[in-house]
Amino acid sequence: EAIRPASPGLRRRTAAENEWALLPD
């Protein structure tokens, strides 16, 4: 994939908040 901006809606559909919490800043 090309790295590009992703919308908040796509972010929500891609993974749950507990998954996103696994990533460091």
PDB file of all heavy atoms in Angstrom:
ATOM      1  N   GLU A   1       0.839  -1.194   0.000  1.00  0.00           N
ATOM      2  CA  GLU A   1       0.000   0.000   0.000  1.00  0.00           C
ATOM      3  C   GLU A   1       0.876   1.247   0.000  1.00  0.00           C
ATOM      4  O   GLU A   1       1.953   1.254   0.608  1.00  0.00           O
ATOM      5  CB  GLU A   1      -0.913   0.063   1.229  1.00  0.00           C
ATOM      6  CG  GLU A   1      -1.983  -1.003   1.290  1.00  0.00           C
ATOM      7  CD  GLU A   1      -3.080  -0.823   0.257  1.00  0.00           C
ATOM      8  OE1 GLU A   1      -3.212   0.286  -0.294  1.00  0.00           O
ATOM      9  OE2 GLU A   1      -3.820  -1.804   0.017  1.00  0.00           O
ATOM     10  N   ALA A   2       0.399   2.296  -0.650  1.00  0.00           N
ATOM     11  CA  ALA A   2       1.015   3.618  -0.517  1.00  0.00           C
ATOM     12  C   ALA A   2       0.580   4.203   0.819  1.00  0.00           C
ATOM     13  O   ALA A   2      -0.587   4.076   1.209  1.00  0.00           O
ATOM     14  CB  ALA A   2       0.572   4.523  -1.657  1.00  0.00           C
ATOM     15  N   ILE A   3       1.500   4.824   1.525  1.00  0.00           N
ATOM     16  CA  ILE A   3       1.169   5.456   2.800  1.00  0.00           C
ATOM     17  C   ILE A   3       0.562   6.819   2.504  1.00  0.00           C
ATOM     18  O   ILE A   3       1.186   7.666   1.862  1.00  0.00           O
ATOM     19  CB  ILE A   3       2.415   5.575   3.691  1.00  0.00           C
ATOM     20  CG1 ILE A   3       2.942   4.169   4.021  1.00  0.00           C
ATOM     21  CG2 ILE A   3       2.096   6.342   4.972  1.00  0.00           C
ATOM     22  CD1 ILE A   3       4.284   4.160   4.716  1.00  0.00           C
ATOM     23  N   ARG A   4      -0.659   7.022   2.954  1.00  0.00           N
ATOM     24  CA  ARG A   4      -1.419   8.237   2.654  1.00  0.00           C
ATOM     25  C   ARG A   4      -2.420   8.469   3.779  1.00  0.00           C
ATOM     26  O   ARG A   4      -2.633   7.581   4.611  1.00  0.00           O
ATOM     27  CB  ARG A   4      -2.138   8.076   1.312  1.00  0.00           C
ATOM     28  CG  ARG A   4      -3.076   6.895   1.270  1.00  0.00           C
ATOM     29  CD  ARG A   4      -3.470   6.520  -0.152  1.00  0.00           C
ATOM     30  NE  ARG A   4      -4.483   5.469  -0.184  1.00  0.00           N
ATOM     31  CZ  ARG A   4      -4.224   4.168  -0.085  1.00  0.00           C
ATOM     32  NH1 ARG A   4      -2.985   3.751   0.091  1.00  0.00           N
ATOM     33  NH2 ARG A   4      -5.203   3.275  -0.136  1.00  0.00           N
ATOM     34  N   PRO A   5      -3.052   9.641   3.842  1.00  0.00           N
ATOM     35  CA  PRO A   5      -4.026   9.885   4.908  1.00  0.00           C
ATOM     36  C   PRO A   5      -5.205   8.913   4.839  1.00  0.00           C
ATOM     37  O   PRO A   5      -5.648   8.527   3.756  1.00  0.00           O
ATOM     38  CB  PRO A   5      -4.482  11.325   4.639  1.00  0.00           C
ATOM     39  CG  PRO A   5      -3.354  11.940   3.882  1.00  0.00           C
ATOM     40  CD  PRO A   5      -2.785  10.839   3.032  1.00  0.00           C
ATOM     41  N   ALA A   6      -5.681   8.516   6.008  1.00  0.00           N
ATOM     42  CA  ALA A   6      -6.842   7.633   6.116  1.00  0.00           C
ATOM     43  C   ALA A   6      -7.909   8.333   6.949  1.00  0.00           C
ATOM     44  O   ALA A   6      -7.601   8.969   7.965  1.00  0.00           O
ATOM     45  CB  ALA A   6      -6.447   6.318   6.766  1.00  0.00           C
ATOM     46  N   SER A   7      -9.143   8.238   6.536  1.00  0.00           N
ATOM     47  CA  SER A   7     -10.235   8.917   7.229  1.00  0.00           C
ATOM     48  C   SER A   7     -10.517   8.252   8.574  1.00  0.00           C
ATOM     49  O   SER A   7     -10.242   7.057   8.759  1.00  0.00           O
ATOM     50  CB  SER A   7     -11.500   8.879   6.384  1.00  0.00           C
ATOM     51  OG  SER A   7     -12.008   7.556   6.335  1.00  0.00           O
ATOM     52  N   PRO A   8     -11.084   8.999   9.527  1.00  0.00           N
ATOM     53  CA  PRO A   8     -11.466   8.390  10.816  1.00  0.00           C
ATOM     54  C   PRO A   8     -12.421   7.216  10.638  1.00  0.00           C
ATOM     55  O   PRO A   8     -12.325   6.219  11.350  1.00  0.00           O
ATOM     56  CB  PRO A   8     -12.126   9.549  11.569  1.00  0.00           C
ATOM     57  CG  PRO A   8     -11.529  10.788  10.969  1.00  0.00           C
ATOM     58  CD  PRO A   8     -11.314  10.454   9.523  1.00  0.00           C
ATOM     59  N   GLY A   9     -13.329   7.309   9.655  1.00  0.00           N
ATOM     60  CA  GLY A   9     -14.265   6.216   9.422  1.00  0.00           C
ATOM     61  C   GLY A   9     -13.559   4.944   8.974  1.00  0.00           C
ATOM     62  O   GLY A   9     -13.890   3.845   9.433  1.00  0.00           O
ATOM     63  N   LEU A  10     -12.576   5.096   8.088  1.00  0.00           N
ATOM     64  CA  LEU A  10     -11.827   3.927   7.630  1.00  0.00           C
ATOM     65  C   LEU A  10     -11.010   3.347   8.767  1.00  0.00           C
ATOM     66  O   LEU A  10     -10.900   2.126   8.910  1.00  0.00           O
ATOM     67  CB  LEU A  10     -10.927   4.310   6.451  1.00  0.00           C
ATOM     68  CG  LEU A  10     -10.177   3.159   5.780  1.00  0.00           C
ATOM     69  CD1 LEU A  10     -11.130   2.084   5.289  1.00  0.00           C
ATOM     70  CD2 LEU A  10      -9.322   3.686   4.635  1.00  0.00           C
ATOM     71  N   ARG A  11     -10.464   4.205   9.594  1.00  0.00           N
ATOM     72  CA  ARG A  11      -9.708   3.746  10.765  1.00  0.00           C
ATOM     73  C   ARG A  11     -10.598   2.901  11.673  1.00  0.00           C
ATOM     74  O   ARG A  11     -10.204   1.832  12.133  1.00  0.00           O
ATOM     75  CB  ARG A  11      -9.141   4.953  11.515  1.00  0.00           C
ATOM     76  CG  ARG A  11      -8.337   4.601  12.751  1.00  0.00           C
ATOM     77  CD  ARG A  11      -7.889   5.867  13.477  1.00  0.00           C
ATOM     78  NE  ARG A  11      -7.386   5.560  14.792  1.00  0.00           N
ATOM     79  CZ  ARG A  11      -6.113   5.340  15.068  1.00  0.00           C
ATOM     80  NH1 ARG A  11      -5.212   5.371  14.106  1.00  0.00           N
ATOM     81  NH2 ARG A  11      -5.733   5.081  16.307  1.00  0.00           N
ATOM     82  N   ARG A  12     -11.838   3.370  11.924  1.00  0.00           N
ATOM     83  CA  ARG A  12     -12.762   2.617  12.777  1.00  0.00           C
ATOM     84  C   ARG A  12     -13.113   1.265  12.171  1.00  0.00           C
ATOM     85  O   ARG A  12     -13.255   0.276  12.885  1.00  0.00           O
ATOM     86  CB  ARG A  12     -14.038   3.419  13.024  1.00  0.00           C
ATOM     87  CG  ARG A  12     -13.874   4.551  14.031  1.00  0.00           C
ATOM     88  CD  ARG A  12     -15.212   5.128  14.447  1.00  0.00           C
ATOM     89  NE  ARG A  12     -15.949   5.685  13.321  1.00  0.00           N
ATOM     90  CZ  ARG A  12     -15.808   6.940  12.889  1.00  0.00           C
ATOM     91  NH1 ARG A  12     -14.952   7.757  13.490  1.00  0.00           N
ATOM     92  NH2 ARG A  12     -16.515   7.376  11.865  1.00  0.00           N
ATOM     93  N   ARG A  13     -13.273   1.216  10.853  1.00  0.00           N
ATOM     94  CA  ARG A  13     -13.633  -0.045  10.201  1.00  0.00           C
ATOM     95  C   ARG A  13     -12.453  -1.012  10.103  1.00  0.00           C
ATOM     96  O   ARG A  13     -12.650  -2.213   9.973  1.00  0.00           O
ATOM     97  CB  ARG A  13     -14.191   0.228   8.797  1.00  0.00           C
ATOM     98  CG  ARG A  13     -15.568   0.865   8.814  1.00  0.00           C
ATOM     99  CD  ARG A  13     -16.203   0.867   7.447  1.00  0.00           C
ATOM    100  NE  ARG A  13     -15.469   1.642   6.457  1.00  0.00           N
ATOM    101  CZ  ARG A  13     -15.608   2.953   6.267  1.00  0.00           C
ATOM    102  NH1 ARG A  13     -16.446   3.644   7.025  1.00  0.00           N
ATOM    103  NH2 ARG A  13     -14.915   3.578   5.335  1.00  0.00           N
ATOM    104  N   THR A  14     -11.233  -0.479  10.170  1.00  0.00           N
ATOM    105  CA  THR A  14     -10.046  -1.317  10.009  1.00  0.00           C
ATOM    106  C   THR A  14      -9.697  -2.083  11.272  1.00  0.00           C
ATOM    107  O   THR A  14      -9.303  -3.251  11.215  1.00  0.00           O
ATOM    108  CB  THR A  14      -8.853  -0.453   9.558  1.00  0.00           C
ATOM    109  OG1 THR A  14      -9.164   0.106   8.278  1.00  0.00           O
ATOM    110  CG2 THR A  14      -7.564  -1.261   9.459  1.00  0.00           C
ATOM    111  N   ALA A  15      -9.842  -1.446  12.427  1.00  0.00           N
ATOM    112  CA  ALA A  15      -9.476  -2.100  13.691  1.00  0.00           C
ATOM    113  C   ALA A  15     -10.241  -1.452  14.837  1.00  0.00           C
ATOM    114  O   ALA A  15     -10.646  -0.294  14.754  1.00  0.00           O
ATOM    115  CB  ALA A  15      -7.970  -2.002  13.918  1.00  0.00           C
ATOM    116  N   ALA A  16     -10.393  -2.218  15.913  1.00  0.00           N
ATOM    117  CA  ALA A  16     -11.060  -1.716  17.113  1.00  0.00           C
ATOM    118  C   ALA A  16     -10.082  -0.894  17.947  1.00  0.00           C
ATOM    119  O   ALA A  16      -8.861  -0.991  17.773  1.00  0.00           O
ATOM    120  CB  ALA A  16     -11.598  -2.889  17.927  1.00  0.00           C
ATOM    121  N   GLU A  17     -10.635  -0.112  18.872  1.00  0.00           N
ATOM    122  CA  GLU A  17      -9.773   0.753  19.689  1.00  0.00           C
ATOM    123  C   GLU A  17      -8.764  -0.040  20.507  1.00  0.00           C
ATOM    124  O   GLU A  17      -7.637   0.406  20.716  1.00  0.00           O
ATOM    125  CB  GLU A  17     -10.624   1.652  20.593  1.00  0.00           C
ATOM    126  CG  GLU A  17     -11.264   2.821  19.854  1.00  0.00           C
ATOM    127  CD  GLU A  17     -10.254   3.643  19.043  1.00  0.00           C
ATOM    128  OE1 GLU A  17      -9.182   3.995  19.591  1.00  0.00           O
ATOM    129  OE2 GLU A  17     -10.526   3.913  17.865  1.00  0.00           O
ATOM    130  N   ASN A  18      -9.167  -1.225  20.993  1.00  0.00           N
ATOM    131  CA  ASN A  18      -8.196  -2.008  21.774  1.00  0.00           C
ATOM    132  C   ASN A  18      -7.043  -2.504  20.898  1.00  0.00           C
ATOM    133  O   ASN A  18      -5.935  -2.727  21.384  1.00  0.00           O
ATOM    134  CB  ASN A  18      -8.877  -3.166  22.499  1.00  0.00           C
ATOM    135  CG  ASN A  18      -9.496  -4.171  21.556  1.00  0.00           C
ATOM    136  OD1 ASN A  18      -9.884  -3.847  20.432  1.00  0.00           O
ATOM    137  ND2 ASN A  18      -9.617  -5.412  22.008  1.00  0.00           N
ATOM    138  N   GLU A  19      -7.279  -2.647  19.587  1.00  0.00           N
ATOM    139  CA  GLU A  19      -6.187  -2.986  18.684  1.00  0.00           C
ATOM    140  C   GLU A  19      -5.277  -1.780  18.475  1.00  0.00           C
ATOM    141  O   GLU A  19      -4.050  -1.895  18.543  1.00  0.00           O
ATOM    142  CB  GLU A  19      -6.735  -3.460  17.342  1.00  0.00           C
ATOM    143  CG  GLU A  19      -7.489  -4.775  17.409  1.00  0.00           C
ATOM    144  CD  GLU A  19      -8.112  -5.138  16.083  1.00  0.00           C
ATOM    145  OE1 GLU A  19      -7.434  -5.780  15.268  1.00  0.00           O
ATOM    146  OE2 GLU A  19      -9.291  -4.753  15.861  1.00  0.00           O
ATOM    147  N   TRP A  20      -5.880  -0.612  18.214  1.00  0.00           N
ATOM    148  CA  TRP A  20      -5.066   0.593  18.015  1.00  0.00           C
ATOM    149  C   TRP A  20      -4.219   0.904  19.242  1.00  0.00           C
ATOM    150  O   TRP A  20      -3.113   1.430  19.134  1.00  0.00           O
ATOM    151  CB  TRP A  20      -5.948   1.795  17.687  1.00  0.00           C
ATOM    152  CG  TRP A  20      -6.607   1.707  16.349  1.00  0.00           C
ATOM    153  CD1 TRP A  20      -7.943   1.678  16.084  1.00  0.00           C
ATOM    154  CD2 TRP A  20      -5.962   1.637  15.070  1.00  0.00           C
ATOM    155  NE1 TRP A  20      -8.162   1.581  14.726  1.00  0.00           N
ATOM    156  CE2 TRP A  20      -6.975   1.557  14.089  1.00  0.00           C
ATOM    157  CE3 TRP A  20      -4.623   1.627  14.658  1.00  0.00           C
ATOM    158  CZ2 TRP A  20      -6.691   1.472  12.723  1.00  0.00           C
ATOM    159  CZ3 TRP A  20      -4.350   1.532  13.307  1.00  0.00           C
ATOM    160  CH2 TRP A  20      -5.369   1.464  12.359  1.00  0.00           C
ATOM    161  N   ALA A  21      -4.732   0.537  20.432  1.00  0.00           N
ATOM    162  CA  ALA A  21      -4.011   0.822  21.673  1.00  0.00           C
ATOM    163  C   ALA A  21      -2.696   0.034  21.768  1.00  0.00           C
ATOM    164  O   ALA A  21      -1.833   0.378  22.584  1.00  0.00           O
ATOM    165  CB  ALA A  21      -4.895   0.511  22.876  1.00  0.00           C
ATOM    166  N   LEU A  22      -2.543  -0.991  20.958  1.00  0.00           N
ATOM    167  CA  LEU A  22      -1.309  -1.778  20.973  1.00  0.00           C
ATOM    168  C   LEU A  22      -0.132  -1.038  20.343  1.00  0.00           C
ATOM    169  O   LEU A  22       1.026  -1.405  20.562  1.00  0.00           O
ATOM    170  CB  LEU A  22      -1.514  -3.094  20.213  1.00  0.00           C
ATOM    171  CG  LEU A  22      -2.552  -4.053  20.783  1.00  0.00           C
ATOM    172  CD1 LEU A  22      -2.801  -5.192  19.806  1.00  0.00           C
ATOM    173  CD2 LEU A  22      -2.093  -4.593  22.135  1.00  0.00           C
ATOM    174  N   LEU A  23      -0.414  -0.021  19.532  1.00  0.00           N
ATOM    175  CA  LEU A  23       0.644   0.691  18.810  1.00  0.00           C
ATOM    176  C   LEU A  23       1.243   1.801  19.653  1.00  0.00           C
ATOM    177  O   LEU A  23       0.513   2.540  20.323  1.00  0.00           O
ATOM    178  CB  LEU A  23       0.080   1.309  17.530  1.00  0.00           C
ATOM    179  CG  LEU A  23      -0.110   0.373  16.351  1.00  0.00           C
ATOM    180  CD1 LEU A  23      -0.937   1.066  15.276  1.00  0.00           C
ATOM    181  CD2 LEU A  23       1.240  -0.054  15.776  1.00  0.00           C
ATOM    182  N   PRO A  24       2.561   1.956  19.587  1.00  0.00           N
ATOM    183  CA  PRO A  24       3.157   3.144  20.210  1.00  0.00           C
ATOM    184  C   PRO A  24       2.814   4.376  19.380  1.00  0.00           C
ATOM    185  O   PRO A  24       2.385   4.268  18.226  1.00  0.00           O
ATOM    186  CB  PRO A  24       4.663   2.846  20.158  1.00  0.00           C
ATOM    187  CG  PRO A  24       4.812   1.903  19.008  1.00  0.00           C
ATOM    188  CD  PRO A  24       3.546   1.094  18.940  1.00  0.00           C
ATOM    189  N   ASP A  25       2.991   5.545  19.984  1.00  0.00           N
ATOM    190  CA  ASP A  25       2.751   6.780  19.234  1.00  0.00           C
ATOM    191  C   ASP A  25       3.700   6.848  18.044  1.00  0.00           C
ATOM    192  O   ASP A  25       4.838   6.416  18.108  1.00  0.00           O
ATOM    193  CB  ASP A  25       2.970   8.011  20.133  1.00  0.00           C
ATOM    194  CG  ASP A  25       1.920   8.101  21.229  1.00  0.00           C
ATOM    195  OD1 ASP A  25       0.817   7.568  21.020  1.00  0.00           O
ATOM    196  OD2 ASP A  25       2.220   8.691  22.275  1.00  0.00           O
TER     197      ASP A  25
END
